[in-house]
N, C-alpha and C. Protein backbone atom coordinates (compact mmCIF):
# COMPACT_ATOMS: atom_id res chain seq x y z
N UNK A 1 -6.96 22.39 8.85
CA UNK A 1 -6.01 21.96 7.77
C UNK A 1 -5.51 20.82 8.21
N UNK A 2 -5.60 20.10 6.50
CA UNK A 2 -5.24 18.68 6.60
C UNK A 2 -3.54 18.83 5.96
N UNK A 3 -2.64 17.67 7.12
CA UNK A 3 -1.23 17.29 6.45
C UNK A 3 -1.22 16.32 6.11
N UNK A 4 -0.25 16.26 5.44
CA UNK A 4 0.47 15.10 4.50
C UNK A 4 1.15 14.57 5.41
N UNK A 5 1.33 12.97 5.18
CA UNK A 5 2.47 12.33 6.09
C UNK A 5 3.60 12.62 5.79
N UNK A 6 4.62 12.38 7.00
CA UNK A 6 5.83 12.91 6.80
C UNK A 6 6.98 11.75 6.41
N UNK A 7 6.34 10.53 6.48
CA UNK A 7 7.15 9.30 6.63
C UNK A 7 6.88 9.06 4.76
N UNK A 8 7.63 7.67 4.58
CA UNK A 8 7.54 7.36 3.20
C UNK A 8 6.26 6.84 2.91
N UNK A 9 5.85 6.28 1.76
CA UNK A 9 4.51 6.40 1.57
C UNK A 9 4.27 5.09 0.52
N UNK A 10 3.95 4.13 1.04
CA UNK A 10 4.47 2.19 0.51
C UNK A 10 2.71 2.09 -0.06
N UNK A 11 1.75 2.77 0.12
CA UNK A 11 0.71 2.43 -0.50
C UNK A 11 0.62 2.48 -2.46
N UNK A 12 -0.51 1.17 -2.67
CA UNK A 12 -0.62 1.62 -4.32
C UNK A 12 -1.31 2.26 -4.28
N UNK A 13 -2.17 2.31 -5.76
CA UNK A 13 -3.25 3.36 -5.95
C UNK A 13 -4.52 2.19 -5.97
N UNK A 14 -4.50 0.87 -6.12
CA UNK A 14 -5.57 0.40 -5.92
C UNK A 14 -5.58 -1.18 -4.50
N UNK A 15 -6.25 -1.67 -4.01
CA UNK A 15 -5.81 -2.78 -3.33
C UNK A 15 -5.48 -4.15 -3.94
N UNK A 16 -6.86 -4.47 -5.18
CA UNK A 16 -6.00 -5.66 -5.89
C UNK A 16 -4.89 -5.01 -6.35
N UNK A 17 -4.48 -4.33 -7.12
CA UNK A 17 -3.10 -3.97 -7.08
C UNK A 17 -1.89 -4.22 -6.50
N UNK A 18 -2.21 -3.95 -4.94
CA UNK A 18 -1.13 -4.04 -4.01
C UNK A 18 -1.07 -6.07 -3.91
N UNK A 19 -2.19 -6.07 -3.36
CA UNK A 19 -2.26 -7.71 -3.62
C UNK A 19 -1.39 -8.74 -4.65
N UNK A 20 -2.03 -8.20 -5.69
CA UNK A 20 -0.85 -8.54 -7.21
C UNK A 20 0.53 -8.46 -7.08
N UNK A 21 0.88 -6.99 -6.42
CA UNK A 21 2.43 -7.05 -5.92
C UNK A 21 2.81 -7.66 -4.95
N UNK A 22 1.57 -8.17 -3.81
CA UNK A 22 2.04 -9.14 -3.15
C UNK A 22 2.61 -10.84 -3.74
N UNK A 23 1.48 -11.05 -4.47
CA UNK A 23 1.83 -13.00 -5.04
C UNK A 23 3.15 -12.70 -5.93
N UNK A 24 3.55 -11.46 -6.21
CA UNK A 24 4.42 -11.48 -7.54
C UNK A 24 5.73 -11.89 -6.76
N UNK A 25 6.04 -10.40 -5.68
CA UNK A 25 6.92 -10.55 -4.60
C UNK A 25 7.37 -11.80 -3.91
N UNK A 26 6.11 -12.32 -2.75
CA UNK A 26 6.69 -13.10 -2.23
C UNK A 26 6.69 -14.72 -3.21
N UNK A 27 6.00 -14.82 -4.58
CA UNK A 27 6.04 -15.76 -5.13
C UNK A 27 7.90 -15.96 -5.84
N UNK A 28 8.23 -14.79 -5.93
CA UNK A 28 9.50 -14.50 -6.44
C UNK A 28 10.42 -14.81 -5.15
N UNK A 29 10.57 -14.23 -4.56
CA UNK A 29 11.72 -14.41 -3.01
C UNK A 29 11.50 -16.25 -2.90
N UNK A 30 10.24 -16.73 -2.71
CA UNK A 30 9.71 -17.96 -2.04
C UNK A 30 10.61 -18.86 -3.15
N UNK A 31 9.89 -18.73 -4.31
CA UNK A 31 10.63 -19.73 -5.73
C UNK A 31 12.06 -19.30 -5.96
N UNK A 32 12.41 -18.53 -5.59
CA UNK A 32 14.21 -18.18 -5.73
C UNK A 32 14.70 -19.39 -4.97
N UNK A 33 14.26 -19.49 -3.51
CA UNK A 33 15.03 -20.14 -2.89
C UNK A 33 14.33 -22.12 -3.06
N UNK A 34 13.05 -22.10 -3.20
CA UNK A 34 12.89 -23.34 -3.23
C UNK A 34 13.07 -24.42 -4.86
N UNK A 35 13.57 -23.32 -5.51
CA UNK A 35 13.58 -24.13 -6.48
C UNK A 35 15.08 -24.12 -7.19
N UNK A 36 16.31 -24.03 -6.13
CA UNK A 36 17.32 -23.50 -6.17
C UNK A 36 18.39 -25.20 -6.26
N UNK A 37 17.36 -26.30 -5.62
CA UNK A 37 17.66 -27.77 -5.87
C UNK A 37 17.05 -28.62 -7.23
N UNK A 38 16.02 -27.53 -7.68
CA UNK A 38 15.69 -28.45 -9.15
C UNK A 38 16.36 -27.36 -10.28
N UNK A 39 16.43 -26.00 -10.28
CA UNK A 39 16.57 -25.51 -11.48
C UNK A 39 18.06 -24.72 -11.62
N UNK A 40 18.55 -25.20 -10.02
CA UNK A 40 19.81 -24.71 -9.67
C UNK A 40 20.12 -23.20 -9.61
N UNK A 41 21.34 -22.67 -9.70
CA UNK A 41 21.33 -21.25 -9.43
C UNK A 41 20.84 -19.90 -10.45
N UNK A 42 20.04 -20.92 -11.47
CA UNK A 42 19.60 -19.65 -11.99
C UNK A 42 18.29 -19.42 -11.57
N UNK A 43 17.60 -19.80 -10.33
CA UNK A 43 16.21 -19.59 -9.95
C UNK A 43 16.33 -18.10 -9.26
N UNK A 44 17.95 -18.40 -8.64
CA UNK A 44 18.00 -16.63 -7.50
C UNK A 44 17.71 -15.75 -8.84
N UNK A 45 17.51 -16.25 -10.24
CA UNK A 45 17.14 -14.65 -10.75
C UNK A 45 15.47 -14.27 -10.70
N UNK A 46 14.87 -15.09 -10.13
CA UNK A 46 13.60 -14.76 -9.27
C UNK A 46 13.74 -13.56 -8.05
N UNK A 47 14.93 -13.81 -7.54
CA UNK A 47 15.21 -13.09 -6.37
C UNK A 47 14.99 -11.53 -6.70
N UNK A 48 15.27 -10.68 -7.40
CA UNK A 48 15.52 -9.16 -7.81
C UNK A 48 13.91 -9.14 -7.99
N UNK A 49 13.43 -10.08 -9.00
CA UNK A 49 11.72 -9.96 -9.00
C UNK A 49 10.99 -9.65 -7.81
N UNK A 50 10.90 -10.71 -6.82
CA UNK A 50 10.32 -10.59 -6.26
C UNK A 50 10.61 -9.37 -5.01
N UNK A 51 11.67 -8.94 -5.00
CA UNK A 51 12.19 -7.96 -4.05
C UNK A 51 11.43 -6.86 -4.44
N UNK A 52 11.49 -6.33 -6.09
CA UNK A 52 11.18 -5.34 -6.74
C UNK A 52 10.16 -5.10 -6.76
N UNK A 53 9.09 -6.10 -6.86
CA UNK A 53 7.94 -5.85 -6.27
C UNK A 53 7.25 -5.54 -5.35
N UNK A 54 8.28 -6.24 -4.43
CA UNK A 54 7.41 -6.27 -2.71
C UNK A 54 8.03 -4.22 -2.24
N UNK A 55 8.51 -3.76 -3.20
CA UNK A 55 9.67 -2.70 -2.88
C UNK A 55 10.68 -2.80 -1.67
N UNK A 56 11.52 -3.72 -1.85
CA UNK A 56 12.31 -3.85 -1.01
C UNK A 56 12.71 -4.64 0.36
N UNK A 57 11.66 -4.93 0.77
CA UNK A 57 11.07 -5.96 1.95
C UNK A 57 10.03 -6.42 2.28
N UNK A 58 9.64 -7.49 2.55
CA UNK A 58 8.07 -7.74 3.24
C UNK A 58 7.46 -6.94 3.95
N UNK A 59 8.16 -6.27 4.78
CA UNK A 59 7.99 -5.06 5.99
C UNK A 59 7.08 -3.84 4.89
N UNK A 60 8.10 -3.61 4.23
CA UNK A 60 7.85 -2.72 3.37
C UNK A 60 6.44 -2.75 2.59
N UNK A 61 6.34 -4.24 2.20
CA UNK A 61 4.70 -4.21 1.66
C UNK A 61 3.54 -4.57 2.40
N UNK A 62 4.03 -4.79 3.81
CA UNK A 62 2.84 -4.70 4.73
C UNK A 62 2.46 -3.63 5.25
N UNK A 63 3.60 -2.65 5.25
CA UNK A 63 3.32 -1.38 5.40
C UNK A 63 2.41 -0.44 4.53
N UNK A 64 2.81 -0.77 3.09
CA UNK A 64 2.09 -0.15 2.21
C UNK A 64 0.46 -1.15 1.95
N UNK A 65 0.09 -2.45 2.62
CA UNK A 65 -0.85 -2.81 2.75
C UNK A 65 -1.57 -2.14 3.76
N UNK A 66 -1.31 -1.85 4.22
CA UNK A 66 -2.34 -0.94 5.60
C UNK A 66 -2.74 0.41 4.91
N UNK A 67 -1.54 1.60 4.59
CA UNK A 67 -1.33 2.22 3.70
C UNK A 67 -2.59 2.17 3.08
N UNK A 68 -2.74 1.58 1.67
CA UNK A 68 -3.72 1.31 0.99
C UNK A 68 -4.82 1.37 1.06
N UNK A 69 -5.09 0.56 2.25
CA UNK A 69 -6.40 0.13 3.11
C UNK A 69 -6.99 1.20 3.85
N UNK A 70 -6.28 1.72 4.54
CA UNK A 70 -6.79 2.95 5.01
C UNK A 70 -6.42 4.37 4.28
N UNK A 71 -5.69 4.48 2.66
CA UNK A 71 -6.17 5.35 2.18
C UNK A 71 -7.45 6.35 2.03
N UNK A 72 -7.74 7.38 2.26
CA UNK A 72 -9.30 7.74 1.96
C UNK A 72 -10.18 7.80 3.06
N UNK A 73 -9.88 6.86 4.24
CA UNK A 73 -10.65 6.65 5.06
C UNK A 73 -10.22 7.52 6.83
N UNK A 74 -9.01 7.43 6.35
CA UNK A 74 -8.44 8.58 7.93
C UNK A 74 -8.32 9.43 7.24
N UNK A 75 -8.31 10.78 7.67
CA UNK A 75 -7.77 11.97 7.52
C UNK A 75 -7.05 12.58 9.21
N UNK A 76 -5.97 13.12 8.72
CA UNK A 76 -5.46 13.59 9.78
C UNK A 76 -5.64 15.40 9.88
N UNK A 77 -6.04 16.00 10.92
CA UNK A 77 -5.92 17.49 10.67
C UNK A 77 -5.31 17.98 12.05
N UNK A 78 -5.10 19.09 12.15
CA UNK A 78 -4.36 19.22 12.87
C UNK A 78 -4.59 20.90 12.78
N UNK A 79 -5.40 21.30 14.88
CA UNK A 79 -5.56 22.54 14.90
C UNK A 79 -5.28 22.81 16.16
N UNK A 80 -4.52 24.17 16.43
CA UNK A 80 -4.21 25.04 17.49
C UNK A 80 -2.98 23.94 18.24
N UNK A 81 -1.99 23.47 17.21
CA UNK A 81 -1.04 22.52 17.51
C UNK A 81 -1.27 21.47 18.11
N UNK A 82 -2.88 20.79 17.79
CA UNK A 82 -2.98 19.35 18.42
C UNK A 82 -3.53 18.74 17.34
N UNK A 83 -3.13 17.53 16.73
CA UNK A 83 -3.41 16.75 15.59
C UNK A 83 -3.99 15.35 16.19
N UNK A 84 -4.85 15.31 15.06
CA UNK A 84 -5.98 13.89 15.19
C UNK A 84 -6.18 12.98 14.04
N UNK A 85 -6.54 11.97 14.62
CA UNK A 85 -6.84 11.55 13.15
C UNK A 85 -8.71 10.61 13.20
N UNK A 86 -9.16 11.15 12.18
CA UNK A 86 -10.76 10.99 12.22
C UNK A 86 -10.62 9.96 11.18
N UNK A 87 -12.18 9.41 11.23
CA UNK A 87 -12.16 8.50 9.96
C UNK A 87 -13.43 9.37 9.26
N UNK A 88 -13.25 8.95 8.22
CA UNK A 88 -14.20 9.74 7.08
C UNK A 88 -14.94 8.85 6.59
N UNK A 89 -16.32 9.68 6.33
CA UNK A 89 -17.25 9.34 5.35
C UNK A 89 -17.13 9.29 4.14
N UNK A 90 -16.83 7.94 2.98
CA UNK A 90 -16.70 8.64 2.20
C UNK A 90 -18.26 8.78 1.01
N UNK A 91 -19.12 8.31 1.67
CA UNK A 91 -20.17 8.46 1.02
C UNK A 91 -20.76 10.08 0.74
N UNK A 92 -20.49 10.58 2.10
CA UNK A 92 -21.13 12.19 2.53
C UNK A 92 -20.36 12.70 1.58
N UNK A 93 -18.82 12.79 1.35
CA UNK A 93 -18.20 13.48 0.99
C UNK A 93 -18.40 13.16 -0.60
N UNK A 94 -18.71 12.43 -1.65
CA UNK A 94 -19.24 11.95 -2.82
C UNK A 94 -20.48 12.85 -2.86
N UNK A 95 -21.29 12.99 -1.98
CA UNK A 95 -22.58 13.91 -2.45
C UNK A 95 -22.83 15.47 -1.78
N UNK A 96 -23.01 15.94 -2.68
CA UNK A 96 -23.10 17.30 -2.39
C UNK A 96 -24.06 17.61 -1.13
N UNK A 97 -23.80 18.59 -0.18
CA UNK A 97 -24.35 19.11 1.10
C UNK A 97 -25.38 19.66 0.62
N UNK A 98 -25.97 20.53 -0.31
CA UNK A 98 -26.93 21.14 -0.92
C UNK A 98 -27.13 20.81 -2.12
N UNK A 99 -28.82 21.15 -2.53
CA UNK A 99 -29.15 19.91 -3.97
C UNK A 99 -28.33 20.81 -4.97
N UNK A 100 -28.47 20.68 -5.83
CA UNK A 100 -27.56 21.25 -7.16
C UNK A 100 -28.67 21.99 -7.64
N UNK A 101 -28.88 23.39 -7.99
CA UNK A 101 -30.07 23.61 -9.07
C UNK A 101 -30.20 23.45 -10.30
N UNK A 102 -30.65 22.89 -10.82
CA UNK A 102 -30.98 22.38 -12.36
C UNK A 102 -31.26 23.46 -13.21
């Protein structure tokens, strides 16, 4: 029996998409503070963009990065009241176990 995670899911659909979100998020947060002396308080408009891209906080983004990387590789199964995480081989799952009749 495979179970779903109980906690929140911060993962993205792909690793490149998650990394782009990180660049936009951290760039927005850092840029909002760094450009205050140059542009003035208008630079603070970058802060909500950065926070939105990070889905709230840098830690949420980091947790999502770990979830995105491990998605599809770790499988949680529970049997007889004992749960364990196992690493799955994606190549074996994609290939049929028996030859397909033609």
